[in-house]
């Protein structure tokens, strides 16, 4: 069975706000494709990511379209991070951040809050053999030049043997969108 994909909130937030707004009909197939992938068990959402996108304190009638969509698509299939295996792997992620010496203490602290999804995503992906879908880039920090800004998922995931991909790679790798050559016209 192919590896499932575990989605980072930034993928859906940027899709909704910038690249594929719900209000533009031409982009509806993008969202329908993600819905189908979730329905087929190919695209998973971790509870802490769900909580970022569907704030519990916001009344239902005041939630934005992304929160409504997320709730409709993932409500019954949320992956729970509170398992012994994920807790143990989460501790490995936190230990790595300190031991690798690539991050200054302020940067490590940014990932220490229990509500911070990124380290949980890496832990859950490692436990479930999933690929994290994120549009974050890599910083490639080194012990010689530790960085003080927030760690990036692809850097830490790679160091811990967890695969990541971008939204585009997800669509290409899973063939969720059928590829076809664009018929370029010589003149309009």
N, C-alpha and C. Protein backbone atom coordinates (compact mmCIF):
# COMPACT_ATOMS: atom_id res chain seq x y z
N UNK A 1 0.84 -1.18 0.00
CA UNK A 1 0.00 0.00 0.00
C UNK A 1 0.89 1.25 0.00
N UNK A 2 0.57 2.23 -0.85
CA UNK A 2 1.37 3.45 -0.88
C UNK A 2 1.28 4.22 0.43
N UNK A 3 2.30 5.01 0.69
CA UNK A 3 2.33 5.83 1.91
C UNK A 3 1.21 6.85 1.88
N UNK A 4 0.55 7.04 3.03
CA UNK A 4 -0.46 8.12 3.09
C UNK A 4 0.25 9.47 3.17
N UNK A 5 -0.50 10.51 2.93
CA UNK A 5 0.01 11.88 3.01
C UNK A 5 -0.63 12.57 4.20
N UNK A 6 0.18 13.30 4.94
CA UNK A 6 -0.27 14.02 6.13
C UNK A 6 -0.11 15.51 5.83
N UNK A 7 -1.22 16.24 5.82
CA UNK A 7 -1.20 17.62 5.34
C UNK A 7 -0.86 18.62 6.45
N UNK A 8 0.00 19.57 6.10
CA UNK A 8 0.35 20.70 6.98
C UNK A 8 -0.67 21.81 6.72
N UNK A 9 -1.00 22.56 7.74
CA UNK A 9 -2.01 23.61 7.59
C UNK A 9 -1.62 24.65 6.56
N UNK A 10 -0.32 24.92 6.39
CA UNK A 10 0.08 25.98 5.45
C UNK A 10 -0.33 25.67 4.02
N UNK A 11 -0.42 24.39 3.68
CA UNK A 11 -0.84 24.00 2.34
C UNK A 11 -2.28 24.45 2.08
N UNK A 12 -3.15 24.19 3.03
CA UNK A 12 -4.55 24.54 2.85
C UNK A 12 -4.80 26.03 3.02
N UNK A 13 -4.09 26.65 3.94
CA UNK A 13 -4.26 28.09 4.15
C UNK A 13 -3.83 28.87 2.90
N UNK A 14 -2.66 28.55 2.35
CA UNK A 14 -2.22 29.29 1.16
C UNK A 14 -3.08 28.94 -0.06
N UNK A 15 -3.54 27.70 -0.15
CA UNK A 15 -4.44 27.34 -1.25
C UNK A 15 -5.72 28.17 -1.17
N UNK A 16 -6.29 28.27 0.02
CA UNK A 16 -7.54 29.01 0.21
C UNK A 16 -7.37 30.51 0.02
N UNK A 17 -6.33 31.06 0.60
CA UNK A 17 -6.16 32.53 0.59
C UNK A 17 -5.50 33.08 -0.67
N UNK A 18 -4.65 32.26 -1.32
CA UNK A 18 -3.85 32.79 -2.42
C UNK A 18 -4.07 32.06 -3.74
N UNK A 19 -3.85 30.76 -3.76
CA UNK A 19 -3.76 30.03 -5.02
C UNK A 19 -5.08 29.50 -5.58
N UNK A 20 -5.92 28.94 -4.74
CA UNK A 20 -7.14 28.26 -5.21
C UNK A 20 -8.35 28.67 -4.38
N UNK A 21 -8.76 29.94 -4.41
CA UNK A 21 -9.87 30.36 -3.54
C UNK A 21 -11.16 29.61 -3.86
N UNK A 22 -11.89 29.28 -2.81
CA UNK A 22 -13.17 28.58 -2.97
C UNK A 22 -14.13 29.36 -3.86
N UNK A 23 -14.02 30.67 -3.85
CA UNK A 23 -14.97 31.52 -4.57
C UNK A 23 -14.78 31.52 -6.08
N UNK A 24 -13.72 30.89 -6.56
CA UNK A 24 -13.45 30.86 -8.00
C UNK A 24 -13.72 29.46 -8.53
N UNK A 25 -14.74 29.35 -9.35
CA UNK A 25 -15.24 28.06 -9.81
C UNK A 25 -14.17 27.20 -10.50
N UNK A 26 -13.28 27.82 -11.22
CA UNK A 26 -12.26 27.06 -11.95
C UNK A 26 -11.37 26.26 -11.00
N UNK A 27 -11.30 26.67 -9.72
CA UNK A 27 -10.47 25.97 -8.75
C UNK A 27 -11.22 24.89 -7.97
N UNK A 28 -12.49 24.75 -8.19
CA UNK A 28 -13.26 23.73 -7.46
C UNK A 28 -12.69 22.32 -7.64
N UNK A 29 -12.21 21.95 -8.85
CA UNK A 29 -11.63 20.60 -8.99
C UNK A 29 -10.44 20.35 -8.05
N UNK A 30 -9.68 21.37 -7.74
CA UNK A 30 -8.57 21.20 -6.79
C UNK A 30 -9.11 20.71 -5.46
N UNK A 31 -10.12 21.40 -4.93
CA UNK A 31 -10.68 21.05 -3.62
C UNK A 31 -11.40 19.71 -3.68
N UNK A 32 -12.08 19.43 -4.78
CA UNK A 32 -12.76 18.15 -4.93
C UNK A 32 -11.75 17.00 -4.99
N UNK A 33 -10.61 17.25 -5.59
CA UNK A 33 -9.55 16.24 -5.64
C UNK A 33 -9.02 15.93 -4.25
N UNK A 34 -8.82 16.97 -3.44
CA UNK A 34 -8.38 16.75 -2.06
C UNK A 34 -9.44 16.02 -1.26
N UNK A 35 -10.70 16.35 -1.48
CA UNK A 35 -11.80 15.66 -0.80
C UNK A 35 -11.78 14.17 -1.12
N UNK A 36 -11.58 13.85 -2.41
CA UNK A 36 -11.54 12.45 -2.82
C UNK A 36 -10.34 11.73 -2.20
N UNK A 37 -9.20 12.40 -2.16
CA UNK A 37 -8.00 11.81 -1.56
C UNK A 37 -8.23 11.53 -0.07
N UNK A 38 -8.90 12.45 0.61
CA UNK A 38 -9.22 12.24 2.03
C UNK A 38 -10.21 11.09 2.19
N UNK A 39 -11.21 11.06 1.34
CA UNK A 39 -12.21 10.00 1.39
C UNK A 39 -11.59 8.62 1.15
N UNK A 40 -10.58 8.58 0.28
CA UNK A 40 -9.89 7.32 -0.04
C UNK A 40 -8.83 6.94 0.98
N UNK A 41 -8.61 7.79 1.98
CA UNK A 41 -7.60 7.52 3.00
C UNK A 41 -6.18 7.84 2.56
N UNK A 42 -6.03 8.54 1.45
CA UNK A 42 -4.70 8.92 0.95
C UNK A 42 -4.19 10.19 1.61
N UNK A 43 -5.11 11.08 2.01
CA UNK A 43 -4.76 12.36 2.61
C UNK A 43 -5.31 12.39 4.02
N UNK A 44 -4.42 12.51 5.00
CA UNK A 44 -4.81 12.48 6.41
C UNK A 44 -4.58 13.84 7.05
N UNK A 45 -5.28 14.07 8.16
CA UNK A 45 -5.09 15.30 8.92
C UNK A 45 -4.91 14.95 10.38
N UNK A 46 -3.86 15.48 10.97
CA UNK A 46 -3.57 15.31 12.38
C UNK A 46 -4.46 16.23 13.21
N UNK A 47 -4.85 15.78 14.38
CA UNK A 47 -5.78 16.56 15.22
C UNK A 47 -5.29 17.97 15.50
N UNK A 48 -4.00 18.15 15.73
CA UNK A 48 -3.47 19.47 16.05
C UNK A 48 -3.54 20.41 14.83
N UNK A 49 -3.43 19.86 13.63
CA UNK A 49 -3.59 20.65 12.41
C UNK A 49 -5.07 21.02 12.25
N UNK A 50 -5.93 20.06 12.49
CA UNK A 50 -7.38 20.31 12.43
C UNK A 50 -7.75 21.45 13.39
N UNK A 51 -7.18 21.42 14.58
CA UNK A 51 -7.48 22.47 15.57
C UNK A 51 -6.99 23.84 15.12
N UNK A 52 -5.90 23.89 14.35
CA UNK A 52 -5.43 25.17 13.80
C UNK A 52 -6.43 25.72 12.79
N UNK A 53 -7.01 24.83 12.00
CA UNK A 53 -7.89 25.25 10.91
C UNK A 53 -9.34 25.43 11.33
N UNK A 54 -9.76 24.69 12.35
CA UNK A 54 -11.15 24.76 12.84
C UNK A 54 -11.10 25.15 14.31
N UNK A 55 -10.97 26.44 14.59
CA UNK A 55 -10.85 26.88 15.98
C UNK A 55 -12.11 26.55 16.79
N UNK A 56 -11.91 25.88 17.91
CA UNK A 56 -13.03 25.46 18.75
C UNK A 56 -13.77 26.65 19.35
N UNK A 57 -13.05 27.74 19.60
CA UNK A 57 -13.65 28.90 20.25
C UNK A 57 -14.47 29.78 19.30
N UNK A 58 -14.37 29.51 17.99
CA UNK A 58 -15.12 30.30 17.02
C UNK A 58 -16.47 29.65 16.76
N UNK A 59 -17.56 30.40 16.93
CA UNK A 59 -18.89 29.83 16.65
C UNK A 59 -18.98 29.33 15.21
N UNK A 60 -19.73 28.27 15.00
CA UNK A 60 -19.85 27.64 13.69
C UNK A 60 -20.23 28.65 12.61
N UNK A 61 -21.18 29.53 12.91
CA UNK A 61 -21.65 30.48 11.90
C UNK A 61 -20.64 31.60 11.60
N UNK A 62 -19.53 31.65 12.34
CA UNK A 62 -18.50 32.67 12.11
C UNK A 62 -17.21 32.08 11.52
N UNK A 63 -17.20 30.80 11.24
CA UNK A 63 -16.00 30.16 10.69
C UNK A 63 -15.86 30.49 9.21
N UNK A 64 -14.61 30.66 8.76
CA UNK A 64 -14.38 30.95 7.35
C UNK A 64 -14.60 29.68 6.51
N UNK A 65 -14.55 29.86 5.19
CA UNK A 65 -14.81 28.73 4.29
C UNK A 65 -13.83 27.59 4.48
N UNK A 66 -12.57 27.91 4.75
CA UNK A 66 -11.58 26.84 4.94
C UNK A 66 -11.92 26.02 6.18
N UNK A 67 -12.32 26.67 7.25
CA UNK A 67 -12.70 25.95 8.47
C UNK A 67 -13.92 25.07 8.20
N UNK A 68 -14.89 25.59 7.48
CA UNK A 68 -16.09 24.81 7.16
C UNK A 68 -15.73 23.61 6.29
N UNK A 69 -14.89 23.84 5.29
CA UNK A 69 -14.47 22.75 4.39
C UNK A 69 -13.70 21.69 5.17
N UNK A 70 -12.75 22.12 6.00
CA UNK A 70 -11.93 21.20 6.78
C UNK A 70 -12.81 20.34 7.68
N UNK A 71 -13.76 20.96 8.34
CA UNK A 71 -14.65 20.22 9.22
C UNK A 71 -15.47 19.20 8.43
N UNK A 72 -16.00 19.60 7.29
CA UNK A 72 -16.82 18.70 6.48
C UNK A 72 -16.01 17.52 5.95
N UNK A 73 -14.78 17.77 5.56
CA UNK A 73 -13.96 16.73 4.92
C UNK A 73 -13.26 15.82 5.93
N UNK A 74 -12.74 16.38 7.02
CA UNK A 74 -11.87 15.61 7.92
C UNK A 74 -12.47 15.30 9.29
N UNK A 75 -13.60 15.87 9.63
CA UNK A 75 -14.16 15.73 10.98
C UNK A 75 -14.17 14.28 11.49
N UNK A 76 -14.54 13.35 10.65
CA UNK A 76 -14.69 11.96 11.09
C UNK A 76 -13.44 11.10 10.88
N UNK A 77 -12.37 11.69 10.36
CA UNK A 77 -11.18 10.89 10.06
C UNK A 77 -9.90 11.50 10.62
N UNK A 78 -10.02 12.32 11.64
CA UNK A 78 -8.86 13.00 12.21
C UNK A 78 -7.93 11.97 12.86
N UNK A 79 -6.64 12.10 12.58
CA UNK A 79 -5.63 11.23 13.16
C UNK A 79 -5.23 11.79 14.53
N UNK A 80 -5.39 10.99 15.57
CA UNK A 80 -5.12 11.40 16.95
C UNK A 80 -3.63 11.31 17.25
N UNK A 81 -3.04 12.40 17.71
CA UNK A 81 -1.61 12.41 18.04
C UNK A 81 -1.33 11.81 19.41
N UNK A 82 -2.34 11.62 20.22
CA UNK A 82 -2.13 11.19 21.60
C UNK A 82 -2.08 9.67 21.72
N UNK A 83 -1.03 9.11 21.11
CA UNK A 83 -0.76 7.68 21.24
C UNK A 83 0.64 7.53 21.81
N UNK A 84 0.91 6.39 22.42
CA UNK A 84 2.23 6.16 23.01
C UNK A 84 3.34 6.27 21.96
N UNK A 85 3.10 5.69 20.79
CA UNK A 85 4.13 5.70 19.75
C UNK A 85 4.42 7.13 19.27
N UNK A 86 3.37 7.92 19.09
CA UNK A 86 3.58 9.30 18.62
C UNK A 86 4.21 10.14 19.72
N UNK A 87 3.79 9.95 20.98
CA UNK A 87 4.43 10.68 22.08
C UNK A 87 5.93 10.39 22.13
N UNK A 88 6.30 9.12 22.01
CA UNK A 88 7.72 8.75 22.06
C UNK A 88 8.50 9.37 20.90
N UNK A 89 7.90 9.38 19.73
CA UNK A 89 8.58 9.94 18.56
C UNK A 89 8.62 11.47 18.64
N UNK A 90 7.59 12.07 19.22
CA UNK A 90 7.58 13.52 19.46
C UNK A 90 8.77 13.89 20.35
N UNK A 91 9.03 13.08 21.36
CA UNK A 91 10.18 13.32 22.24
C UNK A 91 11.49 13.24 21.45
N UNK A 92 11.57 12.30 20.49
CA UNK A 92 12.75 12.20 19.63
C UNK A 92 12.94 13.48 18.81
N UNK A 93 11.84 14.02 18.31
CA UNK A 93 11.90 15.26 17.52
C UNK A 93 12.46 16.39 18.39
N UNK A 94 11.91 16.52 19.60
CA UNK A 94 12.36 17.58 20.50
C UNK A 94 13.83 17.38 20.90
N UNK A 95 14.21 16.13 21.15
CA UNK A 95 15.61 15.83 21.50
C UNK A 95 16.55 16.18 20.34
N UNK A 96 16.11 15.86 19.13
CA UNK A 96 16.93 16.16 17.95
C UNK A 96 17.19 17.67 17.84
N UNK A 97 16.16 18.47 18.06
CA UNK A 97 16.31 19.93 17.93
C UNK A 97 17.42 20.47 18.83
N UNK A 98 17.56 19.87 20.01
CA UNK A 98 18.61 20.30 20.94
C UNK A 98 19.95 19.66 20.56
N UNK A 99 19.95 18.36 20.33
CA UNK A 99 21.19 17.62 20.09
C UNK A 99 21.89 17.99 18.79
N UNK A 100 21.15 18.36 17.77
CA UNK A 100 21.78 18.65 16.48
C UNK A 100 22.58 19.95 16.50
N UNK A 101 22.29 20.81 17.45
CA UNK A 101 22.98 22.10 17.61
C UNK A 101 22.84 23.01 16.38
N UNK A 102 21.81 22.75 15.58
CA UNK A 102 21.56 23.58 14.40
C UNK A 102 20.63 24.76 14.70
N UNK A 103 20.05 24.73 15.89
CA UNK A 103 19.06 25.75 16.26
C UNK A 103 19.44 26.39 17.59
N UNK A 104 19.32 27.68 17.67
CA UNK A 104 19.55 28.38 18.92
C UNK A 104 18.38 28.08 19.86
N UNK A 105 18.58 28.23 21.17
CA UNK A 105 17.51 27.91 22.13
C UNK A 105 16.18 28.60 21.82
N UNK A 106 16.22 29.83 21.35
CA UNK A 106 14.97 30.53 21.02
C UNK A 106 14.21 29.81 19.92
N UNK A 107 14.93 29.25 18.96
CA UNK A 107 14.29 28.51 17.87
C UNK A 107 13.69 27.20 18.38
N UNK A 108 14.42 26.52 19.24
CA UNK A 108 13.92 25.27 19.83
C UNK A 108 12.65 25.54 20.62
N UNK A 109 12.63 26.64 21.35
CA UNK A 109 11.45 26.99 22.15
C UNK A 109 10.21 27.22 21.30
N UNK A 110 10.39 27.66 20.06
CA UNK A 110 9.24 27.89 19.19
C UNK A 110 8.49 26.59 18.87
N UNK A 111 9.17 25.47 19.00
CA UNK A 111 8.54 24.18 18.73
C UNK A 111 8.19 23.42 20.02
N UNK A 112 8.31 24.05 21.16
CA UNK A 112 8.09 23.33 22.42
C UNK A 112 6.65 23.38 22.92
N UNK A 113 5.84 24.29 22.42
CA UNK A 113 4.44 24.35 22.86
C UNK A 113 3.68 23.13 22.36
N UNK A 114 2.88 22.54 23.23
CA UNK A 114 2.14 21.34 22.84
C UNK A 114 1.19 21.60 21.67
N UNK A 115 0.73 22.82 21.52
CA UNK A 115 -0.21 23.15 20.44
C UNK A 115 0.49 23.39 19.10
N UNK A 116 1.82 23.41 19.07
CA UNK A 116 2.57 23.62 17.83
C UNK A 116 2.52 22.34 17.00
N UNK A 117 1.93 22.42 15.83
CA UNK A 117 1.67 21.23 15.02
C UNK A 117 2.91 20.61 14.40
N UNK A 118 3.90 21.40 14.03
CA UNK A 118 5.02 20.90 13.22
C UNK A 118 5.74 19.69 13.81
N UNK A 119 6.17 19.71 15.08
CA UNK A 119 6.85 18.52 15.60
C UNK A 119 5.92 17.31 15.70
N UNK A 120 4.64 17.56 15.96
CA UNK A 120 3.67 16.46 16.00
C UNK A 120 3.49 15.84 14.62
N UNK A 121 3.47 16.68 13.58
CA UNK A 121 3.35 16.17 12.21
C UNK A 121 4.51 15.23 11.89
N UNK A 122 5.71 15.65 12.24
CA UNK A 122 6.88 14.81 11.96
C UNK A 122 6.80 13.50 12.74
N UNK A 123 6.43 13.57 14.00
CA UNK A 123 6.31 12.36 14.82
C UNK A 123 5.25 11.42 14.26
N UNK A 124 4.08 11.96 13.94
CA UNK A 124 2.99 11.12 13.41
C UNK A 124 3.36 10.53 12.06
N UNK A 125 4.01 11.31 11.21
CA UNK A 125 4.41 10.81 9.90
C UNK A 125 5.42 9.67 10.04
N UNK A 126 6.34 9.81 10.97
CA UNK A 126 7.34 8.76 11.19
C UNK A 126 6.67 7.48 11.69
N UNK A 127 5.75 7.61 12.61
CA UNK A 127 5.06 6.44 13.17
C UNK A 127 4.20 5.75 12.11
N UNK A 128 3.51 6.53 11.28
CA UNK A 128 2.56 5.97 10.31
C UNK A 128 3.16 5.78 8.91
N UNK A 129 4.44 6.08 8.74
CA UNK A 129 5.06 5.94 7.43
C UNK A 129 4.45 6.88 6.41
N UNK A 130 4.01 8.04 6.87
CA UNK A 130 3.35 9.01 5.99
C UNK A 130 4.35 10.02 5.43
N UNK A 131 3.93 10.67 4.37
CA UNK A 131 4.69 11.75 3.75
C UNK A 131 3.99 13.06 4.13
N UNK A 132 4.75 14.02 4.64
CA UNK A 132 4.17 15.30 5.03
C UNK A 132 4.07 16.21 3.81
N UNK A 133 2.88 16.74 3.58
CA UNK A 133 2.66 17.71 2.51
C UNK A 133 2.79 19.10 3.12
N UNK A 134 3.81 19.83 2.72
CA UNK A 134 4.05 21.18 3.22
C UNK A 134 4.66 22.01 2.12
N UNK A 135 4.35 23.27 2.12
CA UNK A 135 4.96 24.17 1.14
C UNK A 135 6.09 24.99 1.76
N UNK A 136 6.53 24.57 2.95
CA UNK A 136 7.69 25.22 3.56
C UNK A 136 8.95 24.84 2.79
N UNK A 137 9.86 25.78 2.69
CA UNK A 137 11.16 25.51 2.08
C UNK A 137 12.15 25.05 3.15
N UNK A 138 13.32 24.63 2.70
CA UNK A 138 14.36 24.20 3.63
C UNK A 138 15.30 25.37 3.92
N UNK A 139 15.81 25.41 5.15
CA UNK A 139 16.84 26.38 5.54
C UNK A 139 18.23 25.75 5.55
N UNK A 140 18.29 24.45 5.74
CA UNK A 140 19.54 23.69 5.81
C UNK A 140 20.51 24.26 6.86
N UNK A 141 20.06 24.34 8.11
CA UNK A 141 20.94 24.87 9.16
C UNK A 141 22.09 23.91 9.46
N UNK A 142 23.15 24.44 10.04
CA UNK A 142 24.30 23.62 10.42
C UNK A 142 24.71 23.96 11.85
N UNK A 143 25.40 23.05 12.52
CA UNK A 143 25.88 23.35 13.87
C UNK A 143 26.85 24.54 13.89
N UNK A 144 27.55 24.77 12.79
CA UNK A 144 28.49 25.89 12.73
C UNK A 144 27.77 27.24 12.68
N UNK A 145 26.56 27.22 12.14
CA UNK A 145 25.76 28.44 12.06
C UNK A 145 24.33 28.14 12.48
N UNK A 146 24.10 27.92 13.77
CA UNK A 146 22.74 27.62 14.23
C UNK A 146 21.82 28.82 13.99
N UNK A 147 20.61 28.53 13.59
CA UNK A 147 19.68 29.61 13.30
C UNK A 147 18.77 29.89 14.49
N UNK A 148 18.27 31.11 14.55
CA UNK A 148 17.40 31.48 15.66
C UNK A 148 15.94 31.55 15.26
N UNK A 149 15.65 31.43 13.96
CA UNK A 149 14.25 31.44 13.56
C UNK A 149 13.67 30.03 13.63
N UNK A 150 12.39 29.96 13.48
CA UNK A 150 11.67 28.69 13.65
C UNK A 150 12.21 27.60 12.72
N UNK A 151 12.37 26.38 13.24
CA UNK A 151 12.78 25.26 12.38
C UNK A 151 11.75 25.03 11.28
N UNK A 152 12.20 24.52 10.17
CA UNK A 152 11.32 24.21 9.05
C UNK A 152 11.07 22.71 9.02
N UNK A 153 9.83 22.34 8.75
CA UNK A 153 9.46 20.92 8.71
C UNK A 153 10.38 20.11 7.80
N UNK A 154 10.65 20.53 6.56
CA UNK A 154 11.49 19.69 5.69
C UNK A 154 12.89 19.42 6.25
N UNK A 155 13.48 20.40 6.93
CA UNK A 155 14.82 20.20 7.50
C UNK A 155 14.80 19.13 8.59
N UNK A 156 13.90 19.28 9.54
CA UNK A 156 13.84 18.36 10.68
C UNK A 156 13.35 16.99 10.23
N UNK A 157 12.35 16.97 9.37
CA UNK A 157 11.82 15.69 8.87
C UNK A 157 12.91 14.91 8.14
N UNK A 158 13.65 15.57 7.28
CA UNK A 158 14.72 14.91 6.54
C UNK A 158 15.76 14.31 7.47
N UNK A 159 16.13 15.06 8.49
CA UNK A 159 17.13 14.57 9.45
C UNK A 159 16.64 13.35 10.20
N UNK A 160 15.32 13.21 10.35
CA UNK A 160 14.75 12.09 11.09
C UNK A 160 14.19 11.00 10.17
N UNK A 161 14.49 11.09 8.88
CA UNK A 161 14.08 10.05 7.94
C UNK A 161 12.63 10.09 7.53
N UNK A 162 12.00 11.25 7.63
CA UNK A 162 10.59 11.41 7.24
C UNK A 162 10.55 12.18 5.92
N UNK A 163 9.79 11.67 4.98
CA UNK A 163 9.69 12.31 3.67
C UNK A 163 8.70 13.47 3.71
N UNK A 164 8.98 14.48 2.89
CA UNK A 164 8.06 15.60 2.71
C UNK A 164 7.87 15.83 1.22
N UNK A 165 6.81 16.53 0.87
CA UNK A 165 6.57 16.93 -0.51
C UNK A 165 5.75 18.21 -0.52
N UNK A 166 5.74 18.88 -1.65
CA UNK A 166 4.93 20.08 -1.81
C UNK A 166 3.55 19.68 -2.33
N UNK A 167 2.66 20.64 -2.37
CA UNK A 167 1.32 20.39 -2.91
C UNK A 167 1.42 19.88 -4.34
N UNK A 168 2.25 20.52 -5.14
CA UNK A 168 2.41 20.11 -6.54
C UNK A 168 2.93 18.68 -6.63
N UNK A 169 3.91 18.33 -5.79
CA UNK A 169 4.44 16.97 -5.80
C UNK A 169 3.37 15.97 -5.39
N UNK A 170 2.52 16.33 -4.45
CA UNK A 170 1.41 15.46 -4.05
C UNK A 170 0.52 15.17 -5.25
N UNK A 171 0.14 16.21 -5.97
CA UNK A 171 -0.74 16.04 -7.12
C UNK A 171 -0.07 15.22 -8.21
N UNK A 172 1.22 15.47 -8.45
CA UNK A 172 1.95 14.71 -9.48
C UNK A 172 2.18 13.26 -9.07
N UNK A 173 2.65 13.05 -7.84
CA UNK A 173 3.01 11.71 -7.37
C UNK A 173 1.80 10.79 -7.27
N UNK A 174 0.68 11.33 -6.87
CA UNK A 174 -0.51 10.50 -6.69
C UNK A 174 -1.38 10.45 -7.93
N UNK A 175 -1.01 11.26 -8.92
CA UNK A 175 -1.80 11.38 -10.15
C UNK A 175 -3.25 11.77 -9.83
N UNK A 176 -3.40 12.58 -8.79
CA UNK A 176 -4.73 13.05 -8.43
C UNK A 176 -5.31 13.93 -9.53
N UNK A 177 -4.43 14.64 -10.24
CA UNK A 177 -4.84 15.38 -11.43
C UNK A 177 -4.26 14.62 -12.61
N UNK A 178 -5.03 14.45 -13.64
CA UNK A 178 -4.54 13.76 -14.82
C UNK A 178 -3.69 14.73 -15.65
N UNK A 179 -2.49 14.30 -15.97
CA UNK A 179 -1.59 15.13 -16.77
C UNK A 179 -2.01 15.09 -18.23
N UNK A 180 -1.95 16.22 -18.87
CA UNK A 180 -2.18 16.29 -20.31
C UNK A 180 -1.46 17.52 -20.84
N UNK A 181 -0.97 17.39 -22.05
CA UNK A 181 -0.24 18.51 -22.66
C UNK A 181 -1.20 19.64 -22.97
N UNK A 182 -0.73 20.85 -22.76
CA UNK A 182 -1.54 22.02 -23.08
C UNK A 182 -1.40 22.31 -24.57
N UNK A 183 -2.52 22.45 -25.27
CA UNK A 183 -2.44 22.72 -26.72
C UNK A 183 -2.15 24.20 -26.99
N UNK A 184 -0.90 24.54 -27.16
CA UNK A 184 -0.52 25.93 -27.39
C UNK A 184 -0.96 26.36 -28.79
N UNK A 185 -1.64 27.48 -28.82
CA UNK A 185 -2.12 28.02 -30.09
C UNK A 185 -1.06 28.96 -30.67
N UNK A 186 -0.87 28.91 -31.98
CA UNK A 186 0.16 29.75 -32.59
C UNK A 186 -0.24 31.23 -32.60
N UNK A 187 -1.51 31.52 -32.65
CA UNK A 187 -1.96 32.91 -32.59
C UNK A 187 -3.38 32.96 -32.04
N UNK A 188 -3.71 34.11 -31.51
CA UNK A 188 -5.05 34.26 -30.92
C UNK A 188 -5.87 35.18 -31.73
